[in-house]
C-alpha atoms as a PDB file:
ATOM      1  CA  MET A   1      86.779 195.454 -68.297  1.00  0.00           C
ATOM      2  CA  ALA A   2      84.818 194.557 -65.170  1.00  0.00           C
ATOM      3  CA  GLU A   3      86.780 194.162 -61.957  1.00  0.00           C
ATOM      4  CA  ALA A   4      87.098 190.580 -60.696  1.00  0.00           C
ATOM      5  CA  ARG A   5      84.709 189.586 -57.910  1.00  0.00           C
ATOM      6  CA  GLY A   6      87.646 188.089 -56.016  1.00  0.00           C
ATOM      7  CA  VAL A   7      90.308 185.406 -56.221  1.00  0.00           C
ATOM      8  CA  LEU A   8      89.396 181.818 -55.396  1.00  0.00           C
ATOM      9  CA  LEU A   9      91.313 178.650 -54.537  1.00  0.00           C
ATOM     10  CA  PRO A  10      89.494 175.528 -55.821  1.00  0.00           C
ATOM     11  CA  ALA A  11      90.214 172.565 -53.518  1.00  0.00           C
ATOM     12  CA  TYR A  12      89.385 168.952 -54.391  1.00  0.00           C
ATOM     13  CA  VAL A  13      89.270 166.148 -51.823  1.00  0.00           C
ATOM     14  CA  LEU A  14      89.683 162.671 -53.356  1.00  0.00           C
ATOM     15  CA  ALA A  15      88.558 160.130 -50.762  1.00  0.00           C
ATOM     16  CA  ASP A  16      89.199 156.413 -51.223  1.00  0.00           C
ATOM     17  CA  GLU A  17      85.852 154.581 -51.027  1.00  0.00           C
ATOM     18  CA  SER A  18      87.171 151.135 -51.990  1.00  0.00           C
ATOM     19  CA  GLY A  19      86.068 148.037 -50.090  1.00  0.00           C
ATOM     20  CA  SER A  20      89.086 148.014 -47.783  1.00  0.00           C
ATOM     21  CA  MET A  21      87.914 151.342 -46.337  1.00  0.00           C
ATOM     22  CA  GLY A  22      84.725 149.691 -45.089  1.00  0.00           C
ATOM     23  CA  PRO A  23      85.842 149.367 -41.445  1.00  0.00           C
ATOM     24  CA  TYR A  24      86.659 153.091 -41.412  1.00  0.00           C
ATOM     25  CA  GLN A  25      83.535 154.408 -43.104  1.00  0.00           C
ATOM     26  CA  SER A  26      82.414 156.271 -39.980  1.00  0.00           C
ATOM     27  CA  GLU A  27      85.799 158.007 -39.625  1.00  0.00           C
ATOM     28  CA  LEU A  28      85.765 158.904 -43.322  1.00  0.00           C
ATOM     29  CA  SER A  29      82.243 160.324 -43.119  1.00  0.00           C
ATOM     30  CA  GLY A  30      83.035 162.129 -39.871  1.00  0.00           C
ATOM     31  CA  GLY A  31      86.182 163.633 -41.360  1.00  0.00           C
ATOM     32  CA  LEU A  32      84.346 164.976 -44.384  1.00  0.00           C
ATOM     33  CA  ILE A  33      81.618 166.473 -42.205  1.00  0.00           C
ATOM     34  CA  SER A  34      84.169 168.063 -39.855  1.00  0.00           C
ATOM     35  CA  LEU A  35      85.934 169.569 -42.881  1.00  0.00           C
ATOM     36  CA  CYS A  36      82.711 171.127 -44.146  1.00  0.00           C
ATOM     37  CA  GLU A  37      81.739 172.385 -40.698  1.00  0.00           C
ATOM     38  CA  GLY A  38      85.253 173.703 -40.071  1.00  0.00           C
ATOM     39  CA  LEU A  39      85.092 175.835 -43.197  1.00  0.00           C
ATOM     40  CA  ARG A  40      81.570 177.038 -42.380  1.00  0.00           C
ATOM     41  CA  ALA A  41      82.939 178.240 -39.050  1.00  0.00           C
ATOM     42  CA  GLU A  42      85.431 180.436 -40.937  1.00  0.00           C
ATOM     43  CA  PRO A  43      83.230 182.400 -43.363  1.00  0.00           C
ATOM     44  CA  MET A  44      85.945 184.909 -44.245  1.00  0.00           C
ATOM     45  CA  ILE A  45      88.188 182.013 -45.241  1.00  0.00           C
ATOM     46  CA  ALA A  46      85.430 180.011 -46.913  1.00  0.00           C
ATOM     47  CA  ALA A  47      84.731 183.025 -49.128  1.00  0.00           C
ATOM     48  CA  LYS A  48      88.119 182.496 -50.767  1.00  0.00           C
ATOM     49  CA  LEU A  49      87.725 178.749 -51.322  1.00  0.00           C
ATOM     50  CA  ARG A  50      85.566 176.471 -53.410  1.00  0.00           C
ATOM     51  CA  LEU A  51      85.419 172.891 -52.153  1.00  0.00           C
ATOM     52  CA  ALA A  52      84.679 169.713 -54.082  1.00  0.00           C
ATOM     53  CA  ILE A  53      84.562 166.236 -52.543  1.00  0.00           C
ATOM     54  CA  LEU A  54      84.924 163.213 -54.799  1.00  0.00           C
ATOM     55  CA  GLY A  55      84.756 159.564 -53.780  1.00  0.00           C
ATOM     56  CA  PHE A  56      86.756 157.076 -55.833  1.00  0.00           C
ATOM     57  CA  SER A  57      86.933 153.321 -56.222  1.00  0.00           C
ATOM     58  CA  ASP A  58      86.197 151.707 -59.616  1.00  0.00           C
ATOM     59  CA  ASP A  59      85.035 155.140 -60.738  1.00  0.00           C
ATOM     60  CA  VAL A  60      84.726 158.670 -59.354  1.00  0.00           C
ATOM     61  CA  GLN A  61      81.467 159.895 -57.849  1.00  0.00           C
ATOM     62  CA  VAL A  62      80.693 163.457 -56.816  1.00  0.00           C
ATOM     63  CA  ARG A  63      79.888 163.773 -53.122  1.00  0.00           C
ATOM     64  CA  LEU A  64      79.990 167.584 -53.210  1.00  0.00           C
ATOM     65  CA  ALA A  65      80.309 169.636 -56.386  1.00  0.00           C
ATOM     66  CA  VAL A  66      82.476 172.776 -56.302  1.00  0.00           C
ATOM     67  CA  ALA A  67      80.735 174.655 -53.506  1.00  0.00           C
ATOM     68  CA  ASP A  68      80.845 177.850 -51.479  1.00  0.00           C
ATOM     69  CA  MET A  69      80.783 176.488 -47.940  1.00  0.00           C
ATOM     70  CA  ARG A  70      79.200 179.693 -46.630  1.00  0.00           C
ATOM     71  CA  THR A  71      75.979 178.759 -48.376  1.00  0.00           C
ATOM     72  CA  GLU A  72      76.236 174.991 -48.901  1.00  0.00           C
ATOM     73  CA  THR A  73      73.895 173.107 -46.571  1.00  0.00           C
ATOM     74  CA  THR A  74      74.235 169.501 -47.770  1.00  0.00           C
ATOM     75  CA  LEU A  75      76.758 167.134 -46.212  1.00  0.00           C
ATOM     76  CA  PRO A  76      78.740 164.582 -48.260  1.00  0.00           C
ATOM     77  CA  LYS A  77      77.815 160.916 -47.907  1.00  0.00           C
ATOM     78  CA  VAL A  78      80.419 158.171 -48.328  1.00  0.00           C
ATOM     79  CA  VAL A  79      79.588 154.976 -50.252  1.00  0.00           C
ATOM     80  CA  ILE A  80      82.024 152.085 -49.802  1.00  0.00           C
ATOM     81  CA  ARG A  81      82.381 150.057 -53.005  1.00  0.00           C
ATOM     82  CA  GLY A  82      84.754 148.438 -55.466  1.00  0.00           C
ATOM     83  CA  LEU A  83      88.504 148.544 -56.016  1.00  0.00           C
ATOM     84  CA  THR A  84      91.169 151.278 -55.982  1.00  0.00           C
ATOM     85  CA  ASN A  85      91.335 152.657 -59.527  1.00  0.00           C
ATOM     86  CA  TYR A  86      93.800 155.542 -59.665  1.00  0.00           C
ATOM     87  CA  GLU A  87      93.382 155.922 -63.432  1.00  0.00           C
ATOM     88  CA  ALA A  88      89.711 156.836 -62.944  1.00  0.00           C
ATOM     89  CA  VAL A  89      90.796 159.617 -60.569  1.00  0.00           C
ATOM     90  CA  PHE A  90      93.157 161.344 -62.956  1.00  0.00           C
ATOM     91  CA  ASP A  91      90.926 160.855 -66.013  1.00  0.00           C
ATOM     92  CA  ASP A  92      88.142 162.535 -64.056  1.00  0.00           C
ATOM     93  CA  LEU A  93      90.289 165.449 -62.870  1.00  0.00           C
ATOM     94  CA  LEU A  94      91.616 166.013 -66.407  1.00  0.00           C
ATOM     95  CA  ALA A  95      88.083 166.892 -67.484  1.00  0.00           C
ATOM     96  CA  ARG A  96      86.699 168.286 -64.232  1.00  0.00           C
ATOM     97  CA  ILE A  97      89.312 170.845 -63.175  1.00  0.00           C
ATOM     98  CA  PRO A  98      89.578 172.840 -66.444  1.00  0.00           C
ATOM     99  CA  SER A  99      85.781 172.886 -66.684  1.00  0.00           C
ATOM    100  CA  ASP A 100      85.361 174.104 -63.097  1.00  0.00           C
ATOM    101  CA  VAL A 101      88.008 176.813 -63.508  1.00  0.00           C
ATOM    102  CA  GLN A 102      86.369 178.014 -66.718  1.00  0.00           C
ATOM    103  CA  TRP A 103      83.014 178.186 -64.925  1.00  0.00           C
ATOM    104  CA  LEU A 104      84.447 180.142 -61.987  1.00  0.00           C
ATOM    105  CA  ARG A 105      86.116 182.583 -64.360  1.00  0.00           C
ATOM    106  CA  GLY A 106      82.813 182.931 -66.173  1.00  0.00           C
ATOM    107  CA  GLU A 107      81.285 183.915 -62.835  1.00  0.00           C
ATOM    108  CA  GLY A 108      83.747 186.805 -62.674  1.00  0.00           C
ATOM    109  CA  TYR A 109      86.453 185.376 -60.398  1.00  0.00           C
ATOM    110  CA  LYS A 110      90.176 185.076 -60.773  1.00  0.00           C
ATOM    111  CA  VAL A 111      91.343 181.578 -59.883  1.00  0.00           C
ATOM    112  CA  HIS A 112      94.474 180.378 -58.110  1.00  0.00           C
ATOM    113  CA  ARG A 113      96.023 177.078 -59.160  1.00  0.00           C
ATOM    114  CA  PRO A 114      93.728 174.336 -57.804  1.00  0.00           C
ATOM    115  CA  VAL A 115      94.839 171.924 -55.108  1.00  0.00           C
ATOM    116  CA  VAL A 116      93.962 168.230 -54.818  1.00  0.00           C
ATOM    117  CA  PHE A 117      94.100 166.357 -51.497  1.00  0.00           C
ATOM    118  CA  PHE A 118      94.323 162.635 -52.287  1.00  0.00           C
ATOM    119  CA  LEU A 119      93.732 159.990 -49.591  1.00  0.00           C
ATOM    120  CA  SER A 120      94.159 156.272 -50.336  1.00  0.00           C
ATOM    121  CA  ASP A 121      94.567 153.174 -48.211  1.00  0.00           C
ATOM    122  CA  GLY A 122      95.885 150.929 -50.970  1.00  0.00           C
ATOM    123  CA  GLN A 123      97.975 150.481 -54.061  1.00  0.00           C
ATOM    124  CA  PRO A 124      96.308 151.167 -57.432  1.00  0.00           C
ATOM    125  CA  THR A 125      94.444 148.126 -58.738  1.00  0.00           C
ATOM    126  CA  ASP A 126      94.824 149.392 -62.335  1.00  0.00           C
ATOM    127  CA  GLY A 127      98.580 148.732 -62.372  1.00  0.00           C
ATOM    128  CA  GLY A 128     100.502 151.596 -63.941  1.00  0.00           C
ATOM    129  CA  SER A 129      97.797 152.806 -66.329  1.00  0.00           C
ATOM    130  CA  TRP A 130      97.142 155.821 -64.077  1.00  0.00           C
ATOM    131  CA  ARG A 131     100.520 157.344 -64.861  1.00  0.00           C
ATOM    132  CA  GLY A 132      99.498 158.585 -68.330  1.00  0.00           C
ATOM    133  CA  PRO A 133      96.502 160.706 -67.276  1.00  0.00           C
ATOM    134  CA  HIS A 134      98.376 161.780 -64.135  1.00  0.00           C
ATOM    135  CA  ALA A 135     101.286 163.055 -66.241  1.00  0.00           C
ATOM    136  CA  ARG A 136      98.907 164.991 -68.517  1.00  0.00           C
ATOM    137  CA  LEU A 137      97.067 166.445 -65.527  1.00  0.00           C
ATOM    138  CA  ILE A 138     100.181 167.902 -63.874  1.00  0.00           C
ATOM    139  CA  ASP A 139     101.880 169.050 -67.099  1.00  0.00           C
ATOM    140  CA  LYS A 140     101.186 172.797 -67.283  1.00  0.00           C
ATOM    141  CA  SER A 141     101.934 172.836 -71.023  1.00  0.00           C
ATOM    142  CA  GLN A 142      99.114 170.337 -71.635  1.00  0.00           C
ATOM    143  CA  THR A 143      96.820 171.365 -68.759  1.00  0.00           C
ATOM    144  CA  PRO A 144      97.212 175.083 -67.928  1.00  0.00           C
ATOM    145  CA  THR A 145      95.020 174.571 -64.832  1.00  0.00           C
ATOM    146  CA  ALA A 146      97.293 171.725 -63.610  1.00  0.00           C
ATOM    147  CA  PRO A 147      96.698 171.323 -59.862  1.00  0.00           C
ATOM    148  CA  ASN A 148      99.041 170.928 -56.945  1.00  0.00           C
ATOM    149  CA  ILE A 149      98.486 167.419 -55.555  1.00  0.00           C
ATOM    150  CA  VAL A 150      98.934 166.476 -51.904  1.00  0.00           C
ATOM    151  CA  ALA A 151      98.977 162.669 -51.489  1.00  0.00           C
ATOM    152  CA  CYS A 152      98.408 160.878 -48.177  1.00  0.00           C
ATOM    153  CA  GLY A 153      98.733 157.113 -47.869  1.00  0.00           C
ATOM    154  CA  ILE A 154      97.369 154.919 -45.105  1.00  0.00           C
ATOM    155  CA  GLY A 155      97.088 151.144 -44.725  1.00  0.00           C
ATOM    156  CA  ASP A 156      98.682 149.372 -47.704  1.00  0.00           C
ATOM    157  CA  ALA A 157      99.481 152.538 -49.700  1.00  0.00           C
ATOM    158  CA  GLN A 158     103.214 152.609 -50.400  1.00  0.00           C
ATOM    159  CA  PRO A 159     105.420 155.667 -49.803  1.00  0.00           C
ATOM    160  CA  ALA A 160     106.925 155.499 -53.303  1.00  0.00           C
ATOM    161  CA  THR A 161     103.439 155.612 -54.836  1.00  0.00           C
ATOM    162  CA  MET A 162     102.458 158.662 -52.794  1.00  0.00           C
ATOM    163  CA  VAL A 163     105.654 160.398 -53.939  1.00  0.00           C
ATOM    164  CA  GLU A 164     104.672 159.638 -57.549  1.00  0.00           C
ATOM    165  CA  VAL A 165     101.138 160.968 -57.084  1.00  0.00           C
ATOM    166  CA  ALA A 166     102.153 164.174 -55.281  1.00  0.00           C
ATOM    167  CA  THR A 167     103.386 167.080 -57.382  1.00  0.00           C
ATOM    168  CA  ARG A 168     106.211 167.850 -54.934  1.00  0.00           C
ATOM    169  CA  PRO A 169     108.077 165.457 -52.615  1.00  0.00           C
ATOM    170  CA  GLU A 170     107.108 167.521 -49.575  1.00  0.00           C
ATOM    171  CA  PHE A 171     103.426 167.042 -50.517  1.00  0.00           C
ATOM    172  CA  ALA A 172     103.592 163.233 -50.029  1.00  0.00           C
ATOM    173  CA  PHE A 173     102.834 161.677 -46.644  1.00  0.00           C
ATOM    174  CA  VAL A 174     102.249 158.205 -45.223  1.00  0.00           C
ATOM    175  CA  ALA A 175     100.902 157.133 -41.859  1.00  0.00           C
ATOM    176  CA  LYS A 176     103.577 155.874 -39.487  1.00  0.00           C
ATOM    177  CA  PRO A 177     103.760 152.066 -39.174  1.00  0.00           C
ATOM    178  CA  GLY A 178     101.343 150.748 -36.585  1.00  0.00           C
ATOM    179  CA  THR A 179      99.117 153.827 -36.696  1.00  0.00           C
ATOM    180  CA  ASP A 180      95.424 153.032 -36.286  1.00  0.00           C
ATOM    181  CA  ILE A 181      93.869 153.615 -39.704  1.00  0.00           C
ATOM    182  CA  GLY A 182      90.711 155.157 -38.306  1.00  0.00           C
ATOM    183  CA  GLN A 183      92.820 157.618 -36.327  1.00  0.00           C
ATOM    184  CA  ALA A 184      94.947 158.324 -39.410  1.00  0.00           C
ATOM    185  CA  VAL A 185      91.812 159.199 -41.391  1.00  0.00           C
ATOM    186  CA  ALA A 186      90.735 161.629 -38.679  1.00  0.00           C
ATOM    187  CA  GLU A 187      94.220 163.196 -38.578  1.00  0.00           C
ATOM    188  CA  PHE A 188      94.193 163.598 -42.370  1.00  0.00           C
ATOM    189  CA  PHE A 189      90.995 165.638 -42.258  1.00  0.00           C
ATOM    190  CA  HIS A 190      92.172 167.703 -39.317  1.00  0.00           C
ATOM    191  CA  ALA A 191      95.353 168.630 -41.197  1.00  0.00           C
ATOM    192  CA  LEU A 192      93.375 169.234 -44.399  1.00  0.00           C
ATOM    193  CA  THR A 193      91.055 171.670 -42.643  1.00  0.00           C
ATOM    194  CA  SER A 194      93.938 173.565 -41.044  1.00  0.00           C
ATOM    195  CA  SER A 195      95.796 173.631 -44.382  1.00  0.00           C
ATOM    196  CA  LEU A 196      92.834 175.190 -46.167  1.00  0.00           C
ATOM    197  CA  VAL A 197      92.241 177.718 -43.388  1.00  0.00           C
ATOM    198  CA  ALA A 198      95.926 178.711 -43.408  1.00  0.00           C
ATOM    199  CA  SER A 199      95.927 178.912 -47.217  1.00  0.00           C
ATOM    200  CA  GLY A 200      92.820 181.106 -47.063  1.00  0.00           C
ATOM    201  CA  HIS A 201      94.589 183.454 -44.655  1.00  0.00           C
ATOM    202  CA  ALA A 202      97.595 183.536 -46.988  1.00  0.00           C
ATOM    203  CA  LEU A 203      95.334 184.496 -49.908  1.00  0.00           C
ATOM    204  CA  SER A 204      94.379 187.610 -47.947  1.00  0.00           C
ATOM    205  CA  SER A 205      97.998 188.596 -47.462  1.00  0.00           C
ATOM    206  CA  GLY A 206     100.392 190.227 -49.838  1.00  0.00           C
ATOM    207  CA  SER A 207     102.067 186.876 -50.545  1.00  0.00           C
ATOM    208  CA  PRO A 208      99.430 184.236 -51.358  1.00  0.00           C
ATOM    209  CA  GLN A 209     100.683 180.678 -51.034  1.00  0.00           C
ATOM    210  CA  LEU A 210      99.462 177.145 -50.580  1.00  0.00           C
ATOM    211  CA  VAL A 211      99.956 175.941 -47.004  1.00  0.00           C
ATOM    212  CA  VAL A 212     100.197 172.163 -46.490  1.00  0.00           C
ATOM    213  CA  ASN A 213     100.272 170.854 -42.923  1.00  0.00           C
ATOM    214  CA  ARG A 214     101.576 167.357 -42.182  1.00  0.00           C
ATOM    215  CA  PRO A 215      98.945 165.272 -40.396  1.00  0.00           C
ATOM    216  CA  ASP A 216      99.820 163.969 -36.944  1.00  0.00           C
ATOM    217  CA  GLN A 217     101.064 160.362 -37.012  1.00  0.00           C
ATOM    218  CA  PHE A 218     102.228 160.805 -40.634  1.00  0.00           C
ATOM    219  CA  THR A 219     105.738 161.153 -42.014  1.00  0.00           C
ATOM    220  CA  MET A 220     106.906 162.612 -45.293  1.00  0.00           C
ATOM    221  CA  ALA A 221     106.810 159.734 -47.766  1.00  0.00           C
ATOM    222  CA  ILE A 222     110.129 160.777 -49.294  1.00  0.00           C
ATOM    223  CA  ASP A 223     111.807 159.854 -46.003  1.00  0.00           C
ATOM    224  CA  GLU A 224     110.469 156.305 -46.336  1.00  0.00           C
ATOM    225  CA  VAL A 225     111.342 155.533 -49.949  1.00  0.00           C
ATOM    226  CA  GLY A 226     114.889 154.349 -49.431  1.00  0.00           C
ATOM    227  CA  GLN A 227     114.062 152.007 -46.567  1.00  0.00           C
END
């Protein structure tokens, strides 16, 4: 049996592109570009990651397909549109993640459990219909490639919802009350970049692990739920 070409961590960024994000489009675009450039500046780390960027509102649109940032030259473009449909997100990931992992394995790689970084500025406009596909996505018995999900809420996103979306309570964050939303978006991407770089370093060590850094001006959502 051929030796694996390496072990990869697939990382998915789900960026809210709904209409309420319109005033912060430049921060959202800038954050995505800084993420891509930050990984390009760390080629040894980027070699261990595959990055996908997906924009969601009424549906999910691919802004960057699973990519090796050492060789990817395009930059993601944000399109503000529509409502905040969480169900579309988890329906998409249910099909996308197993397919991507199968493709990477077909390319000769071993694959760590994928990670999803979810950023939303509002409550789901599809009511509770997102909970079904979300439950299937994170259930390892139904979806062997079930991802870890890190959920960050800004604006009108409620702490309890972020706790529901995240796969572990310590993976759910909300911006502190009064925080400028544009600044919160920038802090999210800064923390995301440092999390992926730290996780890439951990993959090189004897004890690979997912590292999740709390963005500045955010608190753990679990601390907010009872208030």
